[in-house]
PDB file of N, CA and C in Angstrom:
ATOM      1  N   ASP A   1      88.948 105.514  81.650  1.00  0.00           N
ATOM      2  CA  ASP A   1      88.241 104.860  82.745  1.00  0.00           C
ATOM      3  C   ASP A   1      89.099 104.937  84.002  1.00  0.00           C
ATOM      4  N   THR A   2      88.550 105.387  85.082  1.00  0.00           N
ATOM      5  CA  THR A   2      89.314 105.620  86.295  1.00  0.00           C
ATOM      6  C   THR A   2      89.779 104.329  86.956  1.00  0.00           C
ATOM      7  N   ILE A   3      88.984 103.270  86.858  1.00  0.00           N
ATOM      8  CA  ILE A   3      89.423 101.986  87.412  1.00  0.00           C
ATOM      9  C   ILE A   3      90.699 101.529  86.699  1.00  0.00           C
ATOM     10  N   ASN A   4      90.776 101.773  85.398  1.00  0.00           N
ATOM     11  CA  ASN A   4      92.002 101.434  84.660  1.00  0.00           C
ATOM     12  C   ASN A   4      93.202 102.220  85.184  1.00  0.00           C
ATOM     13  N   GLU A   5      92.974 103.456  85.591  1.00  0.00           N
ATOM     14  CA  GLU A   5      94.050 104.258  86.174  1.00  0.00           C
ATOM     15  C   GLU A   5      94.551 103.622  87.467  1.00  0.00           C
ATOM     16  N   ALA A   6      93.628 103.116  88.277  1.00  0.00           N
ATOM     17  CA  ALA A   6      94.014 102.450  89.517  1.00  0.00           C
ATOM     18  C   ALA A   6      94.803 101.175  89.213  1.00  0.00           C
ATOM     19  N   VAL A   7      94.369 100.416  88.220  1.00  0.00           N
ATOM     20  CA  VAL A   7      95.084  99.204  87.818  1.00  0.00           C
ATOM     21  C   VAL A   7      96.504  99.563  87.378  1.00  0.00           C
ATOM     22  N   LEU A   8      96.638 100.595  86.561  1.00  0.00           N
ATOM     23  CA  LEU A   8      97.964 101.026  86.111  1.00  0.00           C
ATOM     24  C   LEU A   8      98.840 101.431  87.288  1.00  0.00           C
ATOM     25  N   LYS A   9      98.249 102.143  88.247  1.00  0.00           N
ATOM     26  CA  LYS A   9      99.014 102.571  89.418  1.00  0.00           C
ATOM     27  C   LYS A   9      99.459 101.364  90.238  1.00  0.00           C
ATOM     28  N   PHE A  10      98.567 100.386  90.427  1.00  0.00           N
ATOM     29  CA  PHE A  10      98.947  99.179  91.161  1.00  0.00           C
ATOM     30  C   PHE A  10     100.014  98.383  90.403  1.00  0.00           C
ATOM     31  N   ASN A  11      99.934  98.364  89.086  1.00  0.00           N
ATOM     32  CA  ASN A  11     100.943  97.649  88.296  1.00  0.00           C
ATOM     33  C   ASN A  11     102.300  98.357  88.315  1.00  0.00           C
ATOM     34  N   GLN A  12     102.318  99.641  88.609  1.00  0.00           N
ATOM     35  CA  GLN A  12     103.583 100.376  88.689  1.00  0.00           C
ATOM     36  C   GLN A  12     104.440  99.916  89.855  1.00  0.00           C
ATOM     37  N   VAL A  13     103.856  99.173  90.780  1.00  0.00           N
ATOM     38  CA  VAL A  13     104.598  98.657  91.924  1.00  0.00           C
ATOM     39  C   VAL A  13     105.813  97.864  91.450  1.00  0.00           C
ATOM     40  N   GLN A  14     105.678  97.168  90.338  1.00  0.00           N
ATOM     41  CA  GLN A  14     106.791  96.359  89.841  1.00  0.00           C
ATOM     42  C   GLN A  14     107.895  97.212  89.224  1.00  0.00           C
ATOM     43  N   ASP A  15     107.614  98.465  88.903  1.00  0.00           N
ATOM     44  CA  ASP A  15     108.587  99.313  88.231  1.00  0.00           C
ATOM     45  C   ASP A  15     109.450 100.131  89.189  1.00  0.00           C
ATOM     46  N   VAL A  16     109.090 100.152  90.455  1.00  0.00           N
ATOM     47  CA  VAL A  16     109.858 100.933  91.433  1.00  0.00           C
ATOM     48  C   VAL A  16     110.594  99.979  92.361  1.00  0.00           C
ATOM     49  N   CYS A  17     111.671 100.462  92.936  1.00  0.00           N
ATOM     50  CA  CYS A  17     112.534  99.579  93.731  1.00  0.00           C
ATOM     51  C   CYS A  17     112.347  99.717  95.235  1.00  0.00           C
ATOM     52  N   SER A  18     112.183 100.921  95.714  1.00  0.00           N
ATOM     53  CA  SER A  18     112.153 101.101  97.161  1.00  0.00           C
ATOM     54  C   SER A  18     110.795 100.725  97.750  1.00  0.00           C
ATOM     55  N   THR A  19     110.836 100.295  98.983  1.00  0.00           N
ATOM     56  CA  THR A  19     109.603  99.959  99.703  1.00  0.00           C
ATOM     57  C   THR A  19     108.702 101.178  99.788  1.00  0.00           C
ATOM     58  N   LYS A  20     109.299 102.320 100.052  1.00  0.00           N
ATOM     59  CA  LYS A  20     108.527 103.566 100.167  1.00  0.00           C
ATOM     60  C   LYS A  20     107.784 103.869  98.861  1.00  0.00           C
ATOM     61  N   ASP A  21     108.449 103.702  97.719  1.00  0.00           N
ATOM     62  CA  ASP A  21     107.807 103.966  96.431  1.00  0.00           C
ATOM     63  C   ASP A  21     106.712 102.947  96.125  1.00  0.00           C
ATOM     64  N   LYS A  22     106.919 101.706  96.523  1.00  0.00           N
ATOM     65  CA  LYS A  22     105.902 100.672  96.310  1.00  0.00           C
ATOM     66  C   LYS A  22     104.647 100.993  97.126  1.00  0.00           C
ATOM     67  N   ILE A  23     104.854 101.375  98.396  1.00  0.00           N
ATOM     68  CA  ILE A  23     103.722 101.749  99.248  1.00  0.00           C
ATOM     69  C   ILE A  23     103.020 102.971  98.671  1.00  0.00           C
ATOM     70  N   HIS A  24     103.801 103.901  98.135  1.00  0.00           N
ATOM     71  CA  HIS A  24     103.217 105.102  97.528  1.00  0.00           C
ATOM     72  C   HIS A  24     102.302 104.727  96.348  1.00  0.00           C
ATOM     73  N   CYS A  25     102.692 103.742  95.556  1.00  0.00           N
ATOM     74  CA  CYS A  25     101.833 103.271  94.455  1.00  0.00           C
ATOM     75  C   CYS A  25     100.519 102.718  94.992  1.00  0.00           C
ATOM     76  N   PHE A  26     100.596 101.969  96.094  1.00  0.00           N
ATOM     77  CA  PHE A  26      99.379 101.441  96.704  1.00  0.00           C
ATOM     78  C   PHE A  26      98.476 102.566  97.201  1.00  0.00           C
ATOM     79  N   ILE A  27      99.088 103.565  97.811  1.00  0.00           N
ATOM     80  CA  ILE A  27      98.309 104.700  98.325  1.00  0.00           C
ATOM     81  C   ILE A  27      97.630 105.439  97.176  1.00  0.00           C
ATOM     82  N   GLN A  28      98.365 105.667  96.091  1.00  0.00           N
ATOM     83  CA  GLN A  28      97.788 106.378  94.944  1.00  0.00           C
ATOM     84  C   GLN A  28      96.670 105.571  94.290  1.00  0.00           C
ATOM     85  N   GLY A  29      96.859 104.270  94.119  1.00  0.00           N
ATOM     86  CA  GLY A  29      95.805 103.436  93.553  1.00  0.00           C
ATOM     87  C   GLY A  29      94.567 103.418  94.425  1.00  0.00           C
ATOM     88  N   SER A  30      94.766 103.339  95.728  1.00  0.00           N
ATOM     89  CA  SER A  30      93.638 103.358  96.662  1.00  0.00           C
ATOM     90  C   SER A  30      92.925 104.707  96.637  1.00  0.00           C
ATOM     91  N   ALA A  31      93.686 105.778  96.498  1.00  0.00           N
ATOM     92  CA  ALA A  31      93.090 107.108  96.422  1.00  0.00           C
ATOM     93  C   ALA A  31      92.222 107.246  95.171  1.00  0.00           C
ATOM     94  N   ILE A  32      92.655 106.642  94.081  1.00  0.00           N
ATOM     95  CA  ILE A  32      91.855 106.675  92.853  1.00  0.00           C
ATOM     96  C   ILE A  32      90.528 105.963  93.075  1.00  0.00           C
ATOM     97  N   ILE A  33      90.566 104.818  93.746  1.00  0.00           N
ATOM     98  CA  ILE A  33      89.335 104.081  94.029  1.00  0.00           C
ATOM     99  C   ILE A  33      88.422 104.894  94.937  1.00  0.00           C
ATOM    100  N   SER A  34      88.982 105.522  95.943  1.00  0.00           N
ATOM    101  CA  SER A  34      88.179 106.372  96.832  1.00  0.00           C
ATOM    102  C   SER A  34      87.536 107.509  96.056  1.00  0.00           C
ATOM    103  N   SER A  35      88.282 108.066  95.115  1.00  0.00           N
ATOM    104  CA  SER A  35      87.753 109.143  94.283  1.00  0.00           C
ATOM    105  C   SER A  35      86.594 108.651  93.417  1.00  0.00           C
ATOM    106  N   VAL A  36      86.740 107.446  92.882  1.00  0.00           N
ATOM    107  CA  VAL A  36      85.663 106.856  92.084  1.00  0.00           C
ATOM    108  C   VAL A  36      84.391 106.752  92.921  1.00  0.00           C
ATOM    109  N   LEU A  37      84.537 106.261  94.141  1.00  0.00           N
ATOM    110  CA  LEU A  37      83.371 106.102  95.010  1.00  0.00           C
ATOM    111  C   LEU A  37      82.770 107.443  95.395  1.00  0.00           C
ATOM    112  N   HIS A  38      83.619 108.417  95.573  1.00  0.00           N
ATOM    113  CA  HIS A  38      83.136 109.739  95.952  1.00  0.00           C
ATOM    114  C   HIS A  38      82.347 110.401  94.816  1.00  0.00           C
ATOM    115  N   HIS A  39      82.745 110.135  93.585  1.00  0.00           N
ATOM    116  CA  HIS A  39      82.150 110.817  92.447  1.00  0.00           C
ATOM    117  C   HIS A  39      81.076 110.015  91.719  1.00  0.00           C
ATOM    118  N   THR A  40      80.789 108.842  92.192  1.00  0.00           N
ATOM    119  CA  THR A  40      79.810 108.021  91.490  1.00  0.00           C
ATOM    120  C   THR A  40      78.499 107.990  92.257  1.00  0.00           C
ATOM    121  N   SER A  41      77.458 107.750  91.559  1.00  0.00           N
ATOM    122  CA  SER A  41      76.154 107.635  92.213  1.00  0.00           C
ATOM    123  C   SER A  41      75.842 106.181  92.541  1.00  0.00           C
ATOM    124  N   LEU A  42      76.782 105.274  92.257  1.00  0.00           N
ATOM    125  CA  LEU A  42      76.557 103.861  92.523  1.00  0.00           C
ATOM    126  C   LEU A  42      76.250 103.615  93.994  1.00  0.00           C
ATOM    127  N   SER A  43      77.004 104.237  94.873  1.00  0.00           N
ATOM    128  CA  SER A  43      76.788 104.046  96.299  1.00  0.00           C
ATOM    129  C   SER A  43      75.413 104.556  96.713  1.00  0.00           C
ATOM    130  N   LYS A  44      75.053 105.707  96.197  1.00  0.00           N
ATOM    131  CA  LYS A  44      73.747 106.265  96.541  1.00  0.00           C
ATOM    132  C   LYS A  44      72.637 105.375  95.979  1.00  0.00           C
ATOM    133  N   LEU A  45      72.819 104.878  94.765  1.00  0.00           N
ATOM    134  CA  LEU A  45      71.832 103.985  94.166  1.00  0.00           C
ATOM    135  C   LEU A  45      71.680 102.725  95.011  1.00  0.00           C
ATOM    136  N   HIS A  46      72.797 102.153  95.455  1.00  0.00           N
ATOM    137  CA  HIS A  46      72.752 100.958  96.310  1.00  0.00           C
ATOM    138  C   HIS A  46      71.973 101.260  97.584  1.00  0.00           C
ATOM    139  N   TYR A  47      72.236 102.406  98.187  1.00  0.00           N
ATOM    140  CA  TYR A  47      71.538 102.804  99.411  1.00  0.00           C
ATOM    141  C   TYR A  47      70.043 102.935  99.162  1.00  0.00           C
ATOM    142  N   LEU A  48      69.671 103.591  98.074  1.00  0.00           N
ATOM    143  CA  LEU A  48      68.258 103.808  97.784  1.00  0.00           C
ATOM    144  C   LEU A  48      67.532 102.497  97.517  1.00  0.00           C
ATOM    145  N   GLN A  49      68.209 101.564  96.864  1.00  0.00           N
ATOM    146  CA  GLN A  49      67.580 100.271  96.595  1.00  0.00           C
ATOM    147  C   GLN A  49      67.289  99.515  97.883  1.00  0.00           C
ATOM    148  N   HIS A  50      68.144  99.663  98.874  1.00  0.00           N
ATOM    149  CA  HIS A  50      67.962  98.926 100.121  1.00  0.00           C
ATOM    150  C   HIS A  50      67.084  99.658 101.131  1.00  0.00           C
ATOM    151  N   HIS A  51      66.965 100.964 101.012  1.00  0.00           N
ATOM    152  CA  HIS A  51      66.210 101.716 102.009  1.00  0.00           C
ATOM    153  C   HIS A  51      64.951 102.379 101.454  1.00  0.00           C
ATOM    154  N   GLN A  52      64.768 102.328 100.160  1.00  0.00           N
ATOM    155  CA  GLN A  52      63.551 102.830  99.519  1.00  0.00           C
ATOM    156  C   GLN A  52      63.188 104.254  99.946  1.00  0.00           C
ATOM    157  N   THR A  53      64.176 105.098 100.103  1.00  0.00           N
ATOM    158  CA  THR A  53      63.922 106.481 100.478  1.00  0.00           C
ATOM    159  C   THR A  53      64.977 107.381  99.856  1.00  0.00           C
ATOM    160  N   GLU A  54      64.606 108.597  99.622  1.00  0.00           N
ATOM    161  CA  GLU A  54      65.557 109.566  99.073  1.00  0.00           C
ATOM    162  C   GLU A  54      65.829 110.685 100.061  1.00  0.00           C
ATOM    163  N   THR A  55      65.404 110.535 101.288  1.00  0.00           N
ATOM    164  CA  THR A  55      65.521 111.625 102.252  1.00  0.00           C
ATOM    165  C   THR A  55      66.865 111.647 102.966  1.00  0.00           C
ATOM    166  N   HIS A  56      67.631 110.570 102.897  1.00  0.00           N
ATOM    167  CA  HIS A  56      68.909 110.506 103.605  1.00  0.00           C
ATOM    168  C   HIS A  56      70.069 110.602 102.626  1.00  0.00           C
ATOM    169  N   GLU A  57      71.092 111.334 103.045  1.00  0.00           N
ATOM    170  CA  GLU A  57      72.325 111.365 102.261  1.00  0.00           C
ATOM    171  C   GLU A  57      73.081 110.070 102.531  1.00  0.00           C
ATOM    172  N   TYR A  58      73.796 109.620 101.534  1.00  0.00           N
ATOM    173  CA  TYR A  58      74.570 108.388 101.701  1.00  0.00           C
ATOM    174  C   TYR A  58      75.983 108.615 101.228  1.00  0.00           C
ATOM    175  N   GLU A  59      76.944 108.223 102.045  1.00  0.00           N
ATOM    176  CA  GLU A  59      78.338 108.249 101.643  1.00  0.00           C
ATOM    177  C   GLU A  59      78.806 106.819 101.486  1.00  0.00           C
ATOM    178  N   SER A  60      79.778 106.617 100.619  1.00  0.00           N
ATOM    179  CA  SER A  60      80.246 105.262 100.368  1.00  0.00           C
ATOM    180  C   SER A  60      80.790 104.646 101.659  1.00  0.00           C
ATOM    181  N   SER A  61      80.606 103.361 101.765  1.00  0.00           N
ATOM    182  CA  SER A  61      81.011 102.652 102.973  1.00  0.00           C
ATOM    183  C   SER A  61      82.270 101.836 102.702  1.00  0.00           C
ATOM    184  N   ALA A  62      82.780 101.219 103.757  1.00  0.00           N
ATOM    185  CA  ALA A  62      83.930 100.333 103.613  1.00  0.00           C
ATOM    186  C   ALA A  62      83.574  99.145 102.728  1.00  0.00           C
ATOM    187  N   GLU A  63      82.326  98.713 102.784  1.00  0.00           N
ATOM    188  CA  GLU A  63      81.878  97.604 101.933  1.00  0.00           C
ATOM    189  C   GLU A  63      81.976  97.983 100.455  1.00  0.00           C
ATOM    190  N   ASP A  64      81.567  99.196 100.131  1.00  0.00           N
ATOM    191  CA  ASP A  64      81.688  99.677  98.752  1.00  0.00           C
ATOM    192  C   ASP A  64      83.150  99.728  98.332  1.00  0.00           C
ATOM    193  N   TYR A  65      83.992 100.260  99.212  1.00  0.00           N
ATOM    194  CA  TYR A  65      85.414 100.394  98.903  1.00  0.00           C
ATOM    195  C   TYR A  65      86.047  99.028  98.642  1.00  0.00           C
ATOM    196  N   MET A  66      85.803  98.078  99.530  1.00  0.00           N
ATOM    197  CA  MET A  66      86.413  96.754  99.371  1.00  0.00           C
ATOM    198  C   MET A  66      85.893  96.054  98.115  1.00  0.00           C
ATOM    199  N   THR A  67      84.632  96.255  97.785  1.00  0.00           N
ATOM    200  CA  THR A  67      84.075  95.656  96.576  1.00  0.00           C
ATOM    201  C   THR A  67      84.774  96.189  95.332  1.00  0.00           C
ATOM    202  N   VAL A  68      84.929  97.499  95.261  1.00  0.00           N
ATOM    203  CA  VAL A  68      85.594  98.112  94.105  1.00  0.00           C
ATOM    204  C   VAL A  68      87.081  97.755  94.102  1.00  0.00           C
ATOM    205  N   LEU A  69      87.704  97.686  95.274  1.00  0.00           N
ATOM    206  CA  LEU A  69      89.107  97.301  95.342  1.00  0.00           C
ATOM    207  C   LEU A  69      89.301  95.868  94.836  1.00  0.00           C
ATOM    208  N   CYS A  70      88.458  94.945  95.272  1.00  0.00           N
ATOM    209  CA  CYS A  70      88.549  93.555  94.787  1.00  0.00           C
ATOM    210  C   CYS A  70      88.362  93.497  93.277  1.00  0.00           C
ATOM    211  N   TYR A  71      87.378  94.229  92.769  1.00  0.00           N
ATOM    212  CA  TYR A  71      87.132  94.268  91.324  1.00  0.00           C
ATOM    213  C   TYR A  71      88.373  94.786  90.590  1.00  0.00           C
ATOM    214  N   THR A  72      88.965  95.832  91.114  1.00  0.00           N
ATOM    215  CA  THR A  72      90.149  96.422  90.488  1.00  0.00           C
ATOM    216  C   THR A  72      91.317  95.450  90.488  1.00  0.00           C
ATOM    217  N   LEU A  73      91.517  94.753  91.603  1.00  0.00           N
ATOM    218  CA  LEU A  73      92.644  93.830  91.705  1.00  0.00           C
ATOM    219  C   LEU A  73      92.524  92.647  90.759  1.00  0.00           C
ATOM    220  N   LEU A  74      91.317  92.356  90.303  1.00  0.00           N
ATOM    221  CA  LEU A  74      91.151  91.280  89.331  1.00  0.00           C
ATOM    222  C   LEU A  74      91.887  91.571  88.020  1.00  0.00           C
ATOM    223  N   PHE A  75      92.166  92.836  87.748  1.00  0.00           N
ATOM    224  CA  PHE A  75      92.810  93.247  86.500  1.00  0.00           C
ATOM    225  C   PHE A  75      94.299  93.537  86.651  1.00  0.00           C
ATOM    226  N   VAL A  76      94.814  93.421  87.864  1.00  0.00           N
ATOM    227  CA  VAL A  76      96.227  93.694  88.123  1.00  0.00           C
ATOM    228  C   VAL A  76      97.054  92.474  87.740  1.00  0.00           C
ATOM    229  N   ASP A  77      98.283  92.702  87.276  1.00  0.00           N
ATOM    230  CA  ASP A  77      99.195  91.616  86.908  1.00  0.00           C
ATOM    231  C   ASP A  77      99.631  90.888  88.180  1.00  0.00           C
ATOM    232  N   ALA A  78      98.979  89.778  88.468  1.00  0.00           N
ATOM    233  CA  ALA A  78      99.153  89.081  89.743  1.00  0.00           C
ATOM    234  C   ALA A  78     100.563  88.527  89.936  1.00  0.00           C
ATOM    235  N   ARG A  79     101.259  88.182  88.862  1.00  0.00           N
ATOM    236  CA  ARG A  79     102.600  87.606  88.998  1.00  0.00           C
ATOM    237  C   ARG A  79     103.520  88.508  89.811  1.00  0.00           C
ATOM    238  N   TYR A  80     103.489  89.790  89.498  1.00  0.00           N
ATOM    239  CA  TYR A  80     104.367  90.730  90.174  1.00  0.00           C
ATOM    240  C   TYR A  80     103.710  91.344  91.392  1.00  0.00           C
ATOM    241  N   PHE A  81     102.428  91.510  91.327  1.00  0.00           N
ATOM    242  CA  PHE A  81     101.711  92.204  92.392  1.00  0.00           C
ATOM    243  C   PHE A  81     101.815  91.438  93.708  1.00  0.00           C
ATOM    244  N   LEU A  82     101.542  90.150  93.682  1.00  0.00           N
ATOM    245  CA  LEU A  82     101.574  89.361  94.908  1.00  0.00           C
ATOM    246  C   LEU A  82     102.977  89.285  95.501  1.00  0.00           C
ATOM    247  N   SER A  83     103.994  89.176  94.651  1.00  0.00           N
ATOM    248  CA  SER A  83     105.360  89.138  95.170  1.00  0.00           C
ATOM    249  C   SER A  83     105.754  90.491  95.765  1.00  0.00           C
ATOM    250  N   ASN A  84     105.224  91.579  95.222  1.00  0.00           N
ATOM    251  CA  ASN A  84     105.504  92.896  95.789  1.00  0.00           C
ATOM    252  C   ASN A  84     104.800  93.095  97.121  1.00  0.00           C
ATOM    253  N   LEU A  85     103.612  92.529  97.291  1.00  0.00           N
ATOM    254  CA  LEU A  85     102.948  92.569  98.597  1.00  0.00           C
ATOM    255  C   LEU A  85     103.832  91.871  99.635  1.00  0.00           C
ATOM    256  N   GLN A  86     104.361  90.722  99.252  1.00  0.00           N
ATOM    257  CA  GLN A  86     105.248  89.972 100.151  1.00  0.00           C
ATOM    258  C   GLN A  86     106.522  90.774 100.438  1.00  0.00           C
ATOM    259  N   PHE A  87     107.087  91.394  99.416  1.00  0.00           N
ATOM    260  CA  PHE A  87     108.296  92.198  99.577  1.00  0.00           C
ATOM    261  C   PHE A  87     108.069  93.308 100.599  1.00  0.00           C
ATOM    262  N   ILE A  88     106.958  94.006 100.476  1.00  0.00           N
ATOM    263  CA  ILE A  88     106.668  95.106 101.404  1.00  0.00           C
ATOM    264  C   ILE A  88     106.504  94.580 102.824  1.00  0.00           C
ATOM    265  N   ARG A  89     105.831  93.450 102.962  1.00  0.00           N
ATOM    266  CA  ARG A  89     105.613  92.880 104.294  1.00  0.00           C
ATOM    267  C   ARG A  89     106.943  92.552 104.962  1.00  0.00           C
ATOM    268  N   VAL A  90     107.870  92.012 104.208  1.00  0.00           N
ATOM    269  CA  VAL A  90     109.162  91.600 104.762  1.00  0.00           C
ATOM    270  C   VAL A  90     110.099  92.785 104.965  1.00  0.00           C
ATOM    271  N   MET A  91     110.145  93.695 104.012  1.00  0.00           N
ATOM    272  CA  MET A  91     111.155  94.751 104.007  1.00  0.00           C
ATOM    273  C   MET A  91     110.741  96.061 104.672  1.00  0.00           C
ATOM    274  N   SER A  92     109.482  96.261 104.883  1.00  0.00           N
ATOM    275  CA  SER A  92     109.037  97.565 105.371  1.00  0.00           C
ATOM    276  C   SER A  92     109.431  97.776 106.825  1.00  0.00           C
ATOM    277  N   ARG A  93     110.105  98.870 107.047  1.00  0.00           N
ATOM    278  CA  ARG A  93     110.436  99.268 108.416  1.00  0.00           C
ATOM    279  C   ARG A  93     109.554 100.426 108.847  1.00  0.00           C
ATOM    280  N   GLU A  94     108.764 100.903 107.914  1.00  0.00           N
ATOM    281  CA  GLU A  94     107.849 101.993 108.195  1.00  0.00           C
ATOM    282  C   GLU A  94     106.540 101.407 108.705  1.00  0.00           C
ATOM    283  N   THR A  95     105.717 102.261 109.233  1.00  0.00           N
ATOM    284  CA  THR A  95     104.388 101.833 109.627  1.00  0.00           C
ATOM    285  C   THR A  95     103.622 101.455 108.370  1.00  0.00           C
ATOM    286  N   ILE A  96     103.018 100.297 108.387  1.00  0.00           N
ATOM    287  CA  ILE A  96     102.237  99.856 107.231  1.00  0.00           C
ATOM    288  C   ILE A  96     100.971 100.702 107.164  1.00  0.00           C
ATOM    289  N   VAL A  97     100.694 101.230 105.993  1.00  0.00           N
ATOM    290  CA  VAL A  97      99.550 102.113 105.818  1.00  0.00           C
ATOM    291  C   VAL A  97      98.277 101.313 105.552  1.00  0.00           C
ATOM    292  N   LYS A  98      97.151 101.952 105.825  1.00  0.00           N
ATOM    293  CA  LYS A  98      95.854 101.304 105.655  1.00  0.00           C
ATOM    294  C   LYS A  98      95.653 100.807 104.225  1.00  0.00           C
ATOM    295  N   ALA A  99      96.100 101.560 103.245  1.00  0.00           N
ATOM    296  CA  ALA A  99      95.930 101.150 101.843  1.00  0.00           C
ATOM    297  C   ALA A  99      96.578  99.791 101.602  1.00  0.00           C
ATOM    298  N   TYR A 100      97.773  99.580 102.152  1.00  0.00           N
ATOM    299  CA  TYR A 100      98.455  98.294 101.989  1.00  0.00           C
ATOM    300  C   TYR A 100      97.665  97.173 102.654  1.00  0.00           C
ATOM    301  N   LEU A 101      97.185  97.419 103.865  1.00  0.00           N
ATOM    302  CA  LEU A 101      96.421  96.395 104.576  1.00  0.00           C
ATOM    303  C   LEU A 101      95.131  96.049 103.845  1.00  0.00           C
ATOM    304  N   ASP A 102      94.440  97.067 103.316  1.00  0.00           N
ATOM    305  CA  ASP A 102      93.212  96.831 102.546  1.00  0.00           C
ATOM    306  C   ASP A 102      93.496  95.967 101.324  1.00  0.00           C
ATOM    307  N   ILE A 103      94.594  96.253 100.654  1.00  0.00           N
ATOM    308  CA  ILE A 103      94.958  95.496  99.458  1.00  0.00           C
ATOM    309  C   ILE A 103      95.286  94.045  99.822  1.00  0.00           C
ATOM    310  N   CYS A 104      95.965  93.847 100.933  1.00  0.00           N
ATOM    311  CA  CYS A 104      96.261  92.475 101.381  1.00  0.00           C
ATOM    312  C   CYS A 104      94.978  91.702 101.667  1.00  0.00           C
ATOM    313  N   VAL A 105      94.029  92.348 102.332  1.00  0.00           N
ATOM    314  CA  VAL A 105      92.750  91.702 102.632  1.00  0.00           C
ATOM    315  C   VAL A 105      92.009  91.355 101.340  1.00  0.00           C
ATOM    316  N   ALA A 106      91.962  92.299 100.411  1.00  0.00           N
ATOM    317  CA  ALA A 106      91.268  92.058  99.135  1.00  0.00           C
ATOM    318  C   ALA A 106      91.950  90.948  98.341  1.00  0.00           C
ATOM    319  N   ALA A 107      93.281  90.954  98.317  1.00  0.00           N
ATOM    320  CA  ALA A 107      94.017  89.914  97.578  1.00  0.00           C
ATOM    321  C   ALA A 107      93.773  88.541  98.194  1.00  0.00           C
ATOM    322  N   LYS A 108      93.777  88.448  99.520  1.00  0.00           N
ATOM    323  CA  LYS A 108      93.499  87.164 100.181  1.00  0.00           C
ATOM    324  C   LYS A 108      92.089  86.678  99.868  1.00  0.00           C
ATOM    325  N   PHE A 109      91.145  87.617  99.863  1.00  0.00           N
ATOM    326  CA  PHE A 109      89.758  87.245  99.539  1.00  0.00           C
ATOM    327  C   PHE A 109      89.690  86.680  98.125  1.00  0.00           C
ATOM    328  N   ILE A 110      90.303  87.354  97.175  1.00  0.00           N
ATOM    329  CA  ILE A 110      90.277  86.898  95.778  1.00  0.00           C
ATOM    330  C   ILE A 110      90.947  85.533  95.659  1.00  0.00           C
ATOM    331  N   LEU A 111      92.047  85.323  96.351  1.00  0.00           N
ATOM    332  CA  LEU A 111      92.754  84.044  96.287  1.00  0.00           C
ATOM    333  C   LEU A 111      91.914  82.907  96.858  1.00  0.00           C
ATOM    334  N   THR A 112      91.052  83.195  97.823  1.00  0.00           N
ATOM    335  CA  THR A 112      90.191  82.144  98.369  1.00  0.00           C
ATOM    336  C   THR A 112      89.102  81.745  97.388  1.00  0.00           C
ATOM    337  N   LEU A 113      88.812  82.591  96.407  1.00  0.00           N
ATOM    338  CA  LEU A 113      87.784  82.295  95.414  1.00  0.00           C
ATOM    339  C   LEU A 113      88.290  81.389  94.310  1.00  0.00           C
ATOM    340  N   THR A 114      89.606  81.336  94.153  1.00  0.00           N
ATOM    341  CA  THR A 114      90.173  80.550  93.039  1.00  0.00           C
ATOM    342  C   THR A 114      90.586  79.168  93.461  1.00  0.00           C
TER     343      THR A 114
END
């Protein structure tokens, strides 16, 4: 299951030491999720249900991405994951990548639900 691959990649953040390697894990996990959205018909099905037409092509949206990202993060080992998000925020001297910011937004959203 590809979502499990993304979970494993996000959990690898705890196994690497450098900020660069931690960010790389986030990028790889996010890329897996993007690949899932690209290869699934779920997005197209969602579009068809809301627009009742098959004449338009549909590509996954940011809403689809964030939904799948939130779902994926529900399975990540939160004890280490959240502390690694904090570590990257404090220690990163590099430009923070979009994948990291998306994960922070999704994690904050999930935390507001609990």
